[in-house]
């Protein structure tokens, strides 16, 4: 009976070892897949951030141009007022 119990125990140990090996292989595969997905998400985030930065820079250029136009218009208006003899007066 001892021999039979020992051989059943050995068989159970072998099954357990195979199950652990399969589990480790599946876990390794899942970790690799998760790592690949995380890399893809990082690349997507980086791409979106780069696009957002490009948009912000374009908007900055538009605003700088509009500010330059407004400054030129204001300068022209001041020059016209001076030409008409209108001076700024302080309330004092």
N, C-alpha and C. Protein backbone atom coordinates (compact mmCIF):
# COMPACT_ATOMS: atom_id res chain seq x y z
N UNK A 1 0.80 -1.19 0.00
CA UNK A 1 0.00 0.00 0.00
C UNK A 1 0.85 1.26 0.00
N UNK A 2 2.00 1.18 0.68
CA UNK A 2 2.88 2.35 0.71
C UNK A 2 3.38 2.68 -0.69
N UNK A 3 3.71 1.67 -1.44
CA UNK A 3 4.22 1.88 -2.80
C UNK A 3 3.14 2.50 -3.67
N UNK A 4 1.90 2.03 -3.52
CA UNK A 4 0.80 2.56 -4.31
C UNK A 4 0.51 4.01 -3.92
N UNK A 5 0.54 4.31 -2.64
CA UNK A 5 0.33 5.69 -2.16
C UNK A 5 1.45 6.58 -2.63
N UNK A 6 2.66 6.08 -2.62
CA UNK A 6 3.81 6.86 -3.07
C UNK A 6 3.72 7.17 -4.55
N UNK A 7 3.28 6.19 -5.35
CA UNK A 7 3.20 6.43 -6.77
C UNK A 7 2.05 7.38 -7.10
N UNK A 8 0.94 7.30 -6.35
CA UNK A 8 -0.16 8.26 -6.54
C UNK A 8 0.29 9.67 -6.15
N UNK A 9 1.08 9.74 -5.11
CA UNK A 9 1.59 11.04 -4.66
C UNK A 9 2.54 11.62 -5.71
N UNK A 10 3.39 10.78 -6.26
CA UNK A 10 4.31 11.23 -7.31
C UNK A 10 3.52 11.69 -8.54
N UNK A 11 2.48 10.96 -8.90
CA UNK A 11 1.66 11.34 -10.06
C UNK A 11 0.98 12.68 -9.80
N UNK A 12 0.47 12.86 -8.59
CA UNK A 12 -0.17 14.12 -8.24
C UNK A 12 0.84 15.26 -8.26
N UNK A 13 2.05 15.01 -7.80
CA UNK A 13 3.11 16.03 -7.81
C UNK A 13 3.47 16.40 -9.24
N UNK A 14 3.52 15.42 -10.13
CA UNK A 14 3.81 15.70 -11.54
C UNK A 14 2.69 16.53 -12.18
N UNK A 15 1.44 16.19 -11.88
CA UNK A 15 0.32 16.97 -12.41
C UNK A 15 0.38 18.41 -11.90
N UNK A 16 0.69 18.55 -10.62
CA UNK A 16 0.81 19.88 -10.03
C UNK A 16 1.94 20.66 -10.70
N UNK A 17 3.06 20.01 -10.95
CA UNK A 17 4.19 20.66 -11.60
C UNK A 17 3.82 21.11 -13.01
N UNK A 18 3.11 20.24 -13.76
CA UNK A 18 2.68 20.62 -15.12
C UNK A 18 1.69 21.79 -15.06
N UNK A 19 0.79 21.77 -14.10
CA UNK A 19 -0.19 22.86 -13.97
C UNK A 19 0.52 24.18 -13.64
N UNK A 20 1.50 24.11 -12.77
CA UNK A 20 2.26 25.33 -12.42
C UNK A 20 3.02 25.84 -13.63
N UNK A 21 3.62 24.94 -14.39
CA UNK A 21 4.35 25.33 -15.60
C UNK A 21 3.42 26.00 -16.60
N UNK A 22 2.23 25.41 -16.81
CA UNK A 22 1.27 26.01 -17.73
C UNK A 22 0.81 27.38 -17.24
N UNK A 23 0.59 27.49 -15.96
CA UNK A 23 0.18 28.76 -15.38
C UNK A 23 1.26 29.82 -15.58
N UNK A 24 2.50 29.46 -15.35
CA UNK A 24 3.61 30.40 -15.55
C UNK A 24 3.69 30.84 -17.01
N UNK A 25 3.49 29.89 -17.95
CA UNK A 25 3.54 30.24 -19.37
C UNK A 25 2.41 31.20 -19.74
N UNK A 26 1.22 30.91 -19.25
CA UNK A 26 0.08 31.80 -19.52
C UNK A 26 0.29 33.18 -18.92
N UNK A 27 0.83 33.21 -17.71
CA UNK A 27 1.09 34.48 -17.04
C UNK A 27 2.14 35.28 -17.81
N UNK A 28 3.18 34.62 -18.27
CA UNK A 28 4.22 35.29 -19.06
C UNK A 28 3.62 35.87 -20.34
N UNK A 29 2.75 35.08 -21.00
CA UNK A 29 2.10 35.55 -22.22
C UNK A 29 1.22 36.76 -21.94
N UNK A 30 0.42 36.69 -20.88
CA UNK A 30 -0.48 37.80 -20.53
C UNK A 30 0.31 39.06 -20.18
N UNK A 31 1.41 38.89 -19.46
CA UNK A 31 2.23 40.05 -19.11
C UNK A 31 2.83 40.69 -20.36
N UNK A 32 3.25 39.85 -21.30
CA UNK A 32 3.80 40.38 -22.55
C UNK A 32 2.72 41.14 -23.33
N UNK A 33 1.50 40.59 -23.38
CA UNK A 33 0.40 41.26 -24.07
C UNK A 33 0.05 42.58 -23.39
N UNK A 34 0.02 42.57 -22.07
CA UNK A 34 -0.30 43.79 -21.32
C UNK A 34 0.77 44.85 -21.56
N UNK A 35 2.03 44.41 -21.59
CA UNK A 35 3.12 45.35 -21.84
C UNK A 35 3.02 45.97 -23.22
N UNK A 36 2.64 45.16 -24.20
CA UNK A 36 2.49 45.67 -25.57
C UNK A 36 1.34 46.67 -25.63
N UNK A 37 0.24 46.36 -24.95
CA UNK A 37 -0.90 47.29 -24.94
C UNK A 37 -0.53 48.59 -24.25
N UNK A 38 0.21 48.49 -23.16
CA UNK A 38 0.62 49.70 -22.44
C UNK A 38 1.52 50.55 -23.33
N UNK A 39 2.39 49.89 -24.09
CA UNK A 39 3.26 50.63 -25.01
C UNK A 39 2.45 51.34 -26.07
N UNK A 40 1.41 50.66 -26.59
CA UNK A 40 0.55 51.27 -27.60
C UNK A 40 -0.18 52.48 -27.02
N UNK A 41 -0.68 52.35 -25.80
CA UNK A 41 -1.37 53.47 -25.16
C UNK A 41 -0.43 54.64 -24.95
N UNK A 42 0.80 54.36 -24.55
CA UNK A 42 1.78 55.42 -24.36
C UNK A 42 2.04 56.13 -25.67
N UNK A 43 2.20 55.36 -26.75
CA UNK A 43 2.43 55.96 -28.06
C UNK A 43 1.25 56.81 -28.50
N UNK A 44 0.03 56.34 -28.23
CA UNK A 44 -1.16 57.11 -28.58
C UNK A 44 -1.21 58.40 -27.78
N UNK A 45 -0.91 58.33 -26.48
CA UNK A 45 -0.90 59.53 -25.65
C UNK A 45 0.14 60.52 -26.15
N UNK A 46 1.32 60.02 -26.48
CA UNK A 46 2.39 60.90 -26.96
C UNK A 46 1.99 61.55 -28.28
N UNK A 47 1.36 60.79 -29.16
CA UNK A 47 0.91 61.33 -30.44
C UNK A 47 -0.14 62.42 -30.22
N UNK A 48 -1.08 62.17 -29.31
CA UNK A 48 -2.13 63.16 -29.03
C UNK A 48 -1.52 64.42 -28.42
N UNK A 49 -0.59 64.24 -27.50
CA UNK A 49 0.05 65.40 -26.88
C UNK A 49 0.82 66.22 -27.92
N UNK A 50 1.49 65.55 -28.84
CA UNK A 50 2.21 66.26 -29.89
C UNK A 50 1.25 67.04 -30.77
N UNK A 51 0.11 66.44 -31.10
CA UNK A 51 -0.89 67.14 -31.92
C UNK A 51 -1.47 68.33 -31.16
N UNK A 52 -1.73 68.15 -29.87
CA UNK A 52 -2.24 69.25 -29.05
C UNK A 52 -1.22 70.39 -28.98
N UNK A 53 0.04 70.04 -28.86
CA UNK A 53 1.09 71.06 -28.80
C UNK A 53 1.16 71.81 -30.12
N UNK A 54 1.07 71.10 -31.24
CA UNK A 54 1.07 71.77 -32.55
C UNK A 54 -0.09 72.74 -32.67
N UNK A 55 -1.28 72.31 -32.21
CA UNK A 55 -2.45 73.19 -32.26
C UNK A 55 -2.24 74.43 -31.39
N UNK A 56 -1.68 74.23 -30.22
CA UNK A 56 -1.44 75.36 -29.31
C UNK A 56 -0.44 76.34 -29.91
N UNK A 57 0.58 75.81 -30.54
CA UNK A 57 1.58 76.69 -31.17
C UNK A 57 0.96 77.47 -32.34
N UNK A 58 0.11 76.81 -33.11
CA UNK A 58 -0.56 77.50 -34.22
C UNK A 58 -1.46 78.61 -33.68
N UNK A 59 -2.18 78.31 -32.62
CA UNK A 59 -3.05 79.31 -31.99
C UNK A 59 -2.23 80.47 -31.44
N UNK A 60 -1.07 80.15 -30.87
CA UNK A 60 -0.19 81.20 -30.35
C UNK A 60 0.25 82.13 -31.48
N UNK A 61 0.60 81.55 -32.63
CA UNK A 61 1.00 82.38 -33.78
C UNK A 61 -0.16 83.27 -34.24
N UNK A 62 -1.37 82.69 -34.26
CA UNK A 62 -2.54 83.49 -34.65
C UNK A 62 -2.77 84.64 -33.68
N UNK A 63 -2.64 84.37 -32.40
CA UNK A 63 -2.84 85.42 -31.40
C UNK A 63 -1.76 86.50 -31.49
N UNK A 64 -0.52 86.08 -31.73
CA UNK A 64 0.56 87.06 -31.88
C UNK A 64 0.32 87.94 -33.10
N UNK A 65 -0.17 87.34 -34.18
CA UNK A 65 -0.47 88.12 -35.38
C UNK A 65 -1.61 89.09 -35.12
N UNK A 66 -2.66 88.61 -34.43
CA UNK A 66 -3.80 89.48 -34.11
C UNK A 66 -3.35 90.61 -33.18
N UNK A 67 -2.48 90.31 -32.24
CA UNK A 67 -1.98 91.35 -31.34
C UNK A 67 -1.17 92.38 -32.11
N UNK A 68 -0.37 91.91 -33.06
CA UNK A 68 0.39 92.85 -33.89
C UNK A 68 -0.51 93.73 -34.72
N UNK A 69 -1.56 93.14 -35.29
CA UNK A 69 -2.54 93.92 -36.08
C UNK A 69 -3.24 94.94 -35.19
N UNK A 70 -3.64 94.51 -33.99
CA UNK A 70 -4.33 95.43 -33.07
C UNK A 70 -3.40 96.56 -32.66
N UNK A 71 -2.15 96.24 -32.41
CA UNK A 71 -1.18 97.27 -32.02
C UNK A 71 -0.98 98.27 -33.16
N UNK A 72 -0.87 97.77 -34.37
CA UNK A 72 -0.70 98.66 -35.52
C UNK A 72 -1.93 99.54 -35.71
N UNK A 73 -3.13 98.97 -35.55
CA UNK A 73 -4.36 99.75 -35.69
C UNK A 73 -4.44 100.82 -34.61
N UNK A 74 -4.08 100.45 -33.39
CA UNK A 74 -4.10 101.40 -32.29
C UNK A 74 -3.08 102.52 -32.53
N UNK A 75 -1.91 102.14 -33.01
CA UNK A 75 -0.90 103.16 -33.33
C UNK A 75 -1.40 104.11 -34.41
N UNK A 76 -2.09 103.55 -35.43
CA UNK A 76 -2.65 104.39 -36.50
C UNK A 76 -3.71 105.33 -35.97
N UNK A 77 -4.57 104.83 -35.07
CA UNK A 77 -5.63 105.67 -34.49
C UNK A 77 -5.01 106.78 -33.66
N UNK A 78 -3.98 106.47 -32.90
CA UNK A 78 -3.32 107.50 -32.08
C UNK A 78 -2.70 108.56 -32.99
N UNK A 79 -2.08 108.11 -34.07
CA UNK A 79 -1.47 109.07 -35.00
C UNK A 79 -2.52 109.97 -35.62
N UNK A 80 -3.69 109.41 -35.98
CA UNK A 80 -4.77 110.23 -36.55
C UNK A 80 -5.28 111.23 -35.53
N UNK A 81 -5.46 110.82 -34.29
CA UNK A 81 -5.92 111.74 -33.26
C UNK A 81 -4.92 112.87 -33.06
N UNK A 82 -3.65 112.53 -33.06
CA UNK A 82 -2.63 113.58 -32.91
C UNK A 82 -2.66 114.53 -34.10
N UNK A 83 -2.89 113.97 -35.29
CA UNK A 83 -2.93 114.82 -36.48
C UNK A 83 -4.13 115.77 -36.42
N UNK A 84 -5.20 115.37 -35.79
CA UNK A 84 -6.38 116.23 -35.65
C UNK A 84 -6.25 117.19 -34.46
N UNK A 85 -5.17 117.04 -33.73
CA UNK A 85 -4.93 117.94 -32.62
C UNK A 85 -5.56 117.46 -31.32
N UNK A 86 -5.98 116.23 -31.23
CA UNK A 86 -6.55 115.72 -30.02
C UNK A 86 -5.42 115.13 -29.18
N UNK A 87 -5.24 115.66 -28.01
CA UNK A 87 -4.20 115.20 -27.10
C UNK A 87 -4.85 114.54 -25.90
N UNK A 88 -4.16 113.62 -25.30
CA UNK A 88 -4.68 113.02 -24.08
C UNK A 88 -4.60 114.03 -22.95
N UNK A 89 -5.64 114.14 -22.17
CA UNK A 89 -5.65 115.07 -21.04
C UNK A 89 -5.76 114.28 -19.78
N UNK A 90 -5.04 114.72 -18.79
CA UNK A 90 -5.15 114.06 -17.50
C UNK A 90 -6.17 114.78 -16.67
N UNK A 91 -6.86 114.07 -15.82
CA UNK A 91 -7.86 114.68 -14.92
C UNK A 91 -7.17 115.02 -13.62
N UNK A 92 -6.64 116.11 -13.49
CA UNK A 92 -5.92 116.37 -12.26
C UNK A 92 -5.99 117.69 -11.82
